Protein backbone atom coordinates (compact mmCIF):
# COMPACT_ATOMS: atom_id res chain seq x y z
CA MET A 1 -29.92 -19.86 7.32
CA LYS A 2 -31.22 -22.46 4.75
CA ALA A 3 -35.24 -22.19 4.74
CA ILE A 4 -34.42 -19.13 2.54
CA PRO A 5 -34.89 -19.64 -0.92
CA THR A 6 -31.76 -18.28 -3.20
CA THR A 7 -34.79 -16.41 -4.35
CA PHE A 8 -38.02 -14.91 -3.71
CA PRO A 9 -40.12 -11.70 -5.35
CA ALA A 10 -39.36 -8.21 -3.98
CA TYR A 11 -39.73 -5.00 -4.80
CA VAL A 12 -36.86 -3.12 -5.33
CA ALA A 13 -35.36 0.76 -5.58
CA GLU A 14 -32.05 0.91 -7.23
CA ARG A 15 -30.69 4.08 -8.26
CA VAL A 16 -30.09 4.58 -11.52
CA ASP A 17 -28.28 7.93 -12.72
CA ASP A 18 -29.64 10.71 -11.50
CA GLY A 19 -32.95 8.86 -11.06
CA VAL A 20 -34.82 5.92 -9.73
CA ARG A 21 -35.22 1.90 -11.26
CA ARG A 22 -38.13 0.75 -9.27
CA GLY A 23 -40.66 -2.73 -8.98
CA VAL A 24 -41.01 -6.10 -8.44
CA ARG A 25 -38.33 -8.13 -9.18
CA SER A 26 -36.16 -11.54 -8.11
CA PHE A 27 -34.27 -10.84 -5.88
CA ALA A 28 -30.67 -13.10 -4.02
CA ALA A 29 -30.49 -14.51 -0.43
CA GLU A 30 -27.05 -13.89 -0.47
CA GLU A 31 -27.84 -10.12 -1.42
CA LEU A 32 -30.21 -9.55 2.11
CA PRO A 33 -27.36 -8.99 5.12
CA THR A 34 -27.00 -11.21 8.27
CA GLY A 35 -29.20 -11.44 10.63
CA GLU A 36 -29.97 -14.30 14.20
CA VAL A 37 -34.08 -14.15 12.46
CA ALA A 38 -34.60 -15.72 9.03
CA VAL A 39 -38.60 -14.70 8.77
CA ARG A 40 -40.53 -14.78 5.91
CA ILE A 41 -43.03 -11.84 5.23
CA ASP A 42 -46.89 -11.61 4.81
CA TRP A 43 -47.93 -8.53 5.05
CA SER A 44 -46.67 -5.04 4.91
CA SER A 45 -47.66 -1.48 4.72
CA VAL A 46 -46.74 1.63 3.28
CA ASN A 47 -45.30 4.59 4.88
CA TYR A 48 -44.07 7.93 3.78
CA LYS A 49 -40.96 6.90 4.56
CA ASP A 50 -41.15 4.11 2.28
CA ALA A 51 -42.53 6.35 -1.21
CA LEU A 52 -39.27 9.07 0.34
CA ALA A 53 -37.36 5.91 -0.56
CA THR A 54 -38.25 5.36 -4.23
CA THR A 55 -37.47 9.03 -5.16
CA ALA A 56 -34.13 10.84 -6.59
CA ASP A 57 -34.28 13.14 -3.85
CA GLY A 58 -35.98 11.65 -1.02
CA LYS A 59 -32.64 11.84 1.50
CA VAL A 60 -34.14 8.13 2.88
CA ALA A 61 -32.22 5.37 0.74
CA ARG A 62 -28.33 4.34 2.62
CA ILE A 63 -28.42 1.98 0.43
CA SER A 64 -28.84 1.33 -3.56
CA PRO A 65 -30.49 -1.21 -4.15
CA LEU A 66 -32.90 -1.15 -1.56
CA ILE A 67 -35.78 -3.05 -0.49
CA PRO A 68 -38.54 -0.73 0.38
CA GLY A 69 -40.12 -0.67 3.49
CA ILE A 70 -40.15 0.41 6.76
CA ASP A 71 -42.71 -2.33 9.05
CA LEU A 72 -42.92 -5.30 8.91
CA ALA A 73 -45.38 -8.55 9.61
CA GLY A 74 -44.53 -13.02 9.49
CA VAL A 75 -43.39 -15.95 10.99
CA VAL A 76 -39.77 -16.95 11.23
CA VAL A 77 -38.75 -19.56 9.62
CA ASP A 78 -34.82 -20.28 11.03
CA SER A 79 -33.20 -18.55 14.28
CA ASP A 80 -29.44 -18.70 15.95
CA ASP A 81 -31.57 -16.95 19.40
CA PRO A 82 -32.96 -18.98 21.72
CA ALA A 83 -35.22 -15.92 22.15
CA PHE A 84 -37.32 -16.77 18.96
CA ALA A 85 -38.17 -20.08 17.33
CA ALA A 86 -39.02 -20.89 13.77
CA GLY A 87 -42.78 -21.22 13.52
CA ASP A 88 -43.21 -17.72 15.39
CA PRO A 89 -45.04 -15.08 14.57
CA ILE A 90 -43.54 -11.68 14.74
CA VAL A 91 -43.72 -7.70 14.00
CA ALA A 92 -40.47 -5.53 13.22
CA HIS A 93 -39.74 -1.67 11.93
CA GLY A 94 -37.83 1.60 12.37
CA TYR A 95 -33.77 1.91 13.07
CA ASP A 96 -32.55 1.03 9.82
CA LEU A 97 -35.27 -0.75 7.87
CA GLY A 98 -36.62 0.41 5.04
CA VAL A 99 -33.48 2.95 4.48
CA ALA A 100 -30.01 1.08 5.09
CA ARG A 101 -31.38 -2.42 5.48
CA HIS A 102 -33.95 -3.82 3.09
CA GLY A 103 -37.35 -3.62 4.41
CA GLY A 104 -40.43 -5.34 4.30
CA TYR A 105 -40.77 -5.79 0.73
CA ALA A 106 -39.90 -8.94 0.20
CA ALA A 107 -40.49 -12.64 0.83
CA TYR A 108 -38.18 -12.93 3.18
CA THR A 109 -35.49 -11.22 5.12
CA ARG A 110 -32.78 -11.56 7.42
CA LEU A 111 -32.61 -9.33 11.59
CA PRO A 112 -31.36 -9.06 14.11
CA ALA A 113 -32.79 -10.15 17.01
CA GLY A 114 -32.73 -6.70 19.55
CA TYR A 115 -35.27 -5.95 15.91
CA VAL A 116 -38.09 -8.67 16.56
CA VAL A 117 -41.16 -7.81 18.65
CA PRO A 118 -43.44 -11.48 19.77
CA LEU A 119 -46.81 -10.40 17.50
CA PRO A 120 -48.96 -10.48 20.79
CA SER A 121 -52.03 -12.59 21.17
CA GLY A 122 -55.22 -11.12 19.59
CA LEU A 123 -53.47 -9.24 16.49
CA SER A 124 -52.87 -11.13 13.18
CA ALA A 125 -50.12 -10.22 10.74
CA ARG A 126 -52.69 -8.05 9.10
CA ASP A 127 -53.86 -6.23 11.76
CA ALA A 128 -50.28 -5.28 13.65
CA MET A 129 -49.69 -4.08 9.65
CA ALA A 130 -53.18 -2.02 9.88
CA ILE A 131 -51.51 -0.82 12.68
CA GLY A 132 -48.21 -0.06 11.24
CA THR A 133 -45.39 2.15 12.64
CA ALA A 134 -48.39 4.61 11.80
CA GLY A 135 -50.63 3.37 14.33
CA PHE A 136 -47.46 2.36 16.51
CA THR A 137 -46.66 6.59 16.00
CA ALA A 138 -50.69 7.08 17.29
CA GLY A 139 -50.17 5.06 19.75
CA MET A 140 -47.01 6.41 21.75
CA SER A 141 -48.03 10.19 20.82
CA VAL A 142 -51.12 8.70 22.63
CA ALA A 143 -49.27 7.36 25.46
CA ALA A 144 -47.04 10.23 25.75
CA LEU A 145 -49.45 12.75 26.14
CA GLU A 146 -51.37 10.69 28.66
CA ARG A 147 -48.26 9.98 30.68
CA HIS A 148 -48.80 14.40 30.32
CA GLY A 149 -51.17 13.86 32.05
CA LEU A 150 -53.85 14.36 29.73
CA ARG A 151 -57.68 12.37 30.79
CA PRO A 152 -60.48 12.40 29.69
CA GLY A 153 -62.72 15.21 30.52
CA ASP A 154 -59.66 17.77 30.23
CA GLY A 155 -61.06 19.23 27.24
CA PRO A 156 -60.20 18.88 23.44
CA VAL A 157 -57.74 17.49 21.73
CA LEU A 158 -56.68 17.99 18.73
CA VAL A 159 -55.27 15.73 15.46
CA THR A 160 -53.36 17.46 12.69
CA GLY A 161 -53.35 15.26 9.42
CA ALA A 162 -55.92 13.65 10.50
CA SER A 163 -57.25 12.30 7.13
CA GLY A 164 -53.45 10.78 7.45
CA GLY A 165 -51.81 7.06 8.72
CA VAL A 166 -51.39 8.34 12.14
CA GLY A 167 -53.97 10.88 12.65
CA SER A 168 -56.83 8.53 11.95
CA ILE A 169 -55.61 6.04 14.40
CA ALA A 170 -55.22 8.80 16.33
CA VAL A 171 -58.44 9.32 15.91
CA ALA A 172 -59.30 6.37 16.80
CA ILE A 173 -56.95 5.74 19.41
CA LEU A 174 -57.65 8.91 21.57
CA ALA A 175 -61.59 8.87 21.01
CA ALA A 176 -62.24 4.44 22.62
CA ARG A 177 -60.73 6.14 25.17
CA GLY A 178 -63.34 8.39 25.84
CA HIS A 179 -61.01 12.69 24.96
CA GLU A 180 -63.30 14.70 22.73
CA VAL A 181 -60.78 14.46 19.29
CA TRP A 182 -61.30 17.57 16.65
CA ALA A 183 -59.54 16.14 13.57
CA GLY A 184 -58.03 18.62 10.92
CA THR A 185 -57.79 17.81 7.29
CA GLY A 186 -58.04 19.64 3.77
CA LYS A 187 -59.11 16.49 2.32
CA ALA A 188 -63.12 17.07 1.09
CA GLY A 189 -65.86 14.08 1.83
CA GLU A 190 -63.10 12.77 4.94
CA GLU A 191 -66.07 14.36 7.74
CA ASP A 192 -68.26 10.73 7.73
CA ARG A 193 -65.22 8.88 8.36
CA LEU A 194 -63.65 10.76 10.59
CA ARG A 195 -66.10 10.69 12.92
CA ALA A 196 -66.84 7.04 12.88
CA LEU A 197 -63.59 6.63 13.77
CA GLY A 198 -64.34 9.16 16.58
CA ALA A 199 -64.05 12.60 16.35
CA ALA A 200 -66.83 14.54 17.74
CA GLY A 201 -65.56 17.76 15.03
CA ILE A 202 -63.86 18.69 12.28
CA ILE A 203 -61.59 21.42 12.48
CA GLY A 204 -60.40 22.49 8.52
CA ARG A 205 -56.38 23.27 7.13
CA ASP A 206 -57.15 26.74 6.49
CA GLU A 207 -57.18 27.30 10.10
CA ILE A 208 -54.83 25.49 11.55
CA VAL A 209 -52.28 26.60 8.82
CA ALA A 210 -52.88 30.20 8.45
CA THR A 211 -50.25 32.33 9.72
CA SER A 212 -50.70 34.51 12.36
CA PRO A 213 -48.75 38.33 14.04
CA ARG A 214 -50.39 36.50 17.73
CA PRO A 215 -48.10 34.91 19.46
CA LEU A 216 -50.43 33.65 21.91
CA GLU A 217 -54.56 32.70 20.29
CA SER A 218 -57.25 31.43 21.93
CA ALA A 219 -55.70 28.87 25.18
CA ARG A 220 -58.02 25.74 23.03
CA TRP A 221 -56.39 22.99 23.10
CA ALA A 222 -56.19 20.46 25.86
CA GLY A 223 -53.64 18.12 23.57
CA ALA A 224 -52.81 18.09 20.47
CA VAL A 225 -51.20 15.35 17.85
CA ASP A 226 -48.98 16.83 15.04
CA ALA A 227 -48.66 14.42 12.55
CA VAL A 228 -47.44 17.45 9.91
CA GLY A 229 -45.05 19.59 11.05
CA ALA A 230 -43.97 23.32 9.59
CA ALA A 231 -47.41 24.33 8.44
CA THR A 232 -49.93 22.70 11.78
CA LEU A 233 -47.06 23.23 14.91
CA PRO A 234 -46.99 26.38 14.78
CA TYR A 235 -51.12 27.13 14.86
CA VAL A 236 -51.27 24.12 17.76
CA LEU A 237 -48.18 25.53 20.29
CA ARG A 238 -50.08 29.80 20.43
CA THR A 239 -53.30 27.29 21.10
CA LEU A 240 -53.02 25.02 23.57
CA ARG A 241 -54.29 25.64 26.88
CA PRO A 242 -51.67 25.92 29.62
CA GLY A 243 -50.10 23.00 30.98
CA ALA A 244 -51.28 21.26 27.88
CA ALA A 245 -48.54 19.41 25.05
CA VAL A 246 -48.45 18.23 22.01
CA ALA A 247 -46.83 15.19 20.42
CA SER A 248 -45.10 15.94 17.43
CA SER A 249 -43.81 12.91 14.28
CA GLY A 250 -45.15 14.74 11.40
CA ASN A 251 -42.61 16.38 9.06
CA ALA A 252 -44.75 15.97 5.97
CA SER A 253 -44.96 20.26 5.25
CA GLY A 254 -41.43 20.24 6.09
CA ALA A 255 -39.34 20.87 8.56
CA ALA A 256 -39.28 23.88 9.98
CA LEU A 257 -40.87 25.23 12.77
CA GLU A 258 -40.98 29.21 13.24
CA THR A 259 -42.63 30.38 16.63
CA THR A 260 -41.71 32.23 19.84
CA VAL A 261 -40.60 31.08 23.25
CA LEU A 262 -43.87 32.30 25.04
CA PRO A 263 -46.72 28.92 25.03
CA PHE A 264 -43.35 27.64 26.38
CA ILE A 265 -43.10 30.56 29.08
CA LEU A 266 -46.00 32.27 29.53
CA ARG A 267 -48.28 28.77 29.24
CA GLY A 268 -45.73 25.86 30.18
CA VAL A 269 -46.74 23.67 27.07
CA SER A 270 -44.52 20.76 26.25
CA LEU A 271 -43.47 19.85 22.53
CA LEU A 272 -42.51 16.38 23.03
CA GLY A 273 -41.39 14.74 20.52
CA MET A 274 -41.88 10.82 18.83
CA ASP A 275 -38.98 9.53 17.48
CA SER A 276 -40.71 5.41 16.90
CA ALA A 277 -37.41 4.51 14.61
CA ASN A 278 -35.35 4.33 17.53
CA LEU A 279 -37.47 3.44 20.26
CA ALA A 280 -36.13 1.16 22.78
CA ILE A 281 -36.80 -2.75 21.93
CA ALA A 282 -38.08 -3.84 25.35
CA GLU A 283 -40.50 -0.29 24.87
CA ARG A 284 -41.06 -0.89 21.16
CA ARG A 285 -42.31 -5.00 22.67
CA ALA A 286 -44.40 -3.26 25.82
CA LEU A 287 -45.95 -0.92 23.41
CA TRP A 288 -47.03 -3.64 21.26
CA GLU A 289 -49.02 -5.28 23.96
CA ARG A 290 -50.65 -2.10 24.65
CA LEU A 291 -51.46 -1.82 21.14
CA ALA A 292 -53.41 -5.20 20.93
CA THR A 293 -54.82 -4.50 24.33
CA ASP A 294 -56.00 -0.80 25.72
CA LEU A 295 -54.31 1.52 22.95
CA ARG A 296 -55.58 -0.23 20.26
CA PRO A 297 -57.68 1.29 17.93
CA ALA A 298 -61.09 0.29 17.26
CA SER A 299 -61.39 -0.04 13.73
CA LEU A 300 -58.62 -1.62 11.69
CA GLY A 301 -60.12 -2.44 8.73
CA GLU A 302 -62.43 0.07 6.66
CA ALA A 303 -63.60 3.11 8.56
CA GLN A 304 -60.08 3.56 8.63
CA GLY A 305 -60.06 3.68 4.82
CA LEU A 306 -57.30 0.66 4.82
CA THR A 307 -57.04 -0.27 1.22
CA GLU A 308 -55.24 -3.79 0.82
CA ILE A 309 -52.41 -4.05 -2.06
CA GLY A 310 -49.92 -6.28 -3.57
CA LEU A 311 -45.71 -5.51 -4.40
CA ASP A 312 -47.62 -4.71 -7.69
CA GLY A 313 -49.09 -2.18 -6.86
CA LEU A 314 -46.93 -0.60 -5.05
CA ASP A 315 -46.30 2.21 -7.38
CA VAL A 316 -49.91 3.67 -7.32
CA ALA A 317 -49.72 4.19 -3.21
CA PHE A 318 -46.57 5.76 -3.74
CA ASP A 319 -47.72 8.04 -6.42
CA ALA A 320 -50.56 9.00 -4.37
CA ILE A 321 -48.83 9.85 -0.92
CA LEU A 322 -46.18 11.62 -2.60
CA ALA A 323 -49.01 13.97 -3.99
CA GLY A 324 -51.28 14.26 -0.91
CA GLN A 325 -53.52 12.82 -1.82
CA ALA A 326 -53.44 9.26 1.24
CA ARG A 327 -56.43 8.29 1.84
CA GLY A 328 -56.40 6.22 5.62
CA ARG A 329 -53.84 3.53 4.83
CA TRP A 330 -52.36 0.71 3.43
CA VAL A 331 -51.80 -2.80 3.83
CA VAL A 332 -49.39 -4.78 1.35
CA ARG A 333 -50.03 -8.76 1.01
CA VAL A 334 -46.57 -10.18 0.92
CA ALA A 335 -46.64 -13.58 0.80
CA GLY A 336 -49.48 -15.93 -1.85
């Protein structure tokens, strides 16, 4: 595939002794993995997993050096697969991208055809990365809750970690579909933005991370999207209404889960795991079509707290997300 230049700029994380050296440098095309589809990457985004991939104790990176970036959007420049042709706009994310295979923080890459999603009509590459892995996970969560039976008018739906990427887009999607959304956040000053996204109410972090001696509390929520993990999921489970479900995708507060079986056997609640990284490609492509239509977030811009950076802005973004100071999402302009 000669369409990829011999060298090109990339943000690279490389293990050195007990630490990680990271930054933008020239990267050689011959160091890219094999793949049927060669892509010029125009946009990427920043996720918690990307930040972890640049730390020595993040337990994410499987190769060194590694180009992080678990999602990307761009244009096919060459293809050995008849399903894709030069000039086709595409999206790719998940699987081993940015973990065990070079990801989206580079001007070019090669991808297996089975990783590639045609960019749906109505979305630009930048729009797709404003959604990104976080928005895809949010859309996947809402779709799962509605398949479980959640309907507008059933009652309040809680979103934890609502100030972050998954949470803020989940608020926007749920509100646009007519649900009464309550946003859980511990970040001061976020109420106006979350209400602009469609939140009907705000619930503070102190309430949703508080421990309780009771395995069940007042049944409040008709459904929930949990993007935080250990700190919030126990509260969600003990306050769901009978038959309700929570779509769980986050572990920013830890992976342990302290709960009892009582929410499951006395209220019949369901815990729905959201593994967006490994979703089969046919389902992945179908969900992206919905993210361009009925699951499209109402705003892909400032209301989501969207910040645009270049590759040279990644260090600042990573430091912020690891310090728990993330607000909305970052999109990364890779090309140009």
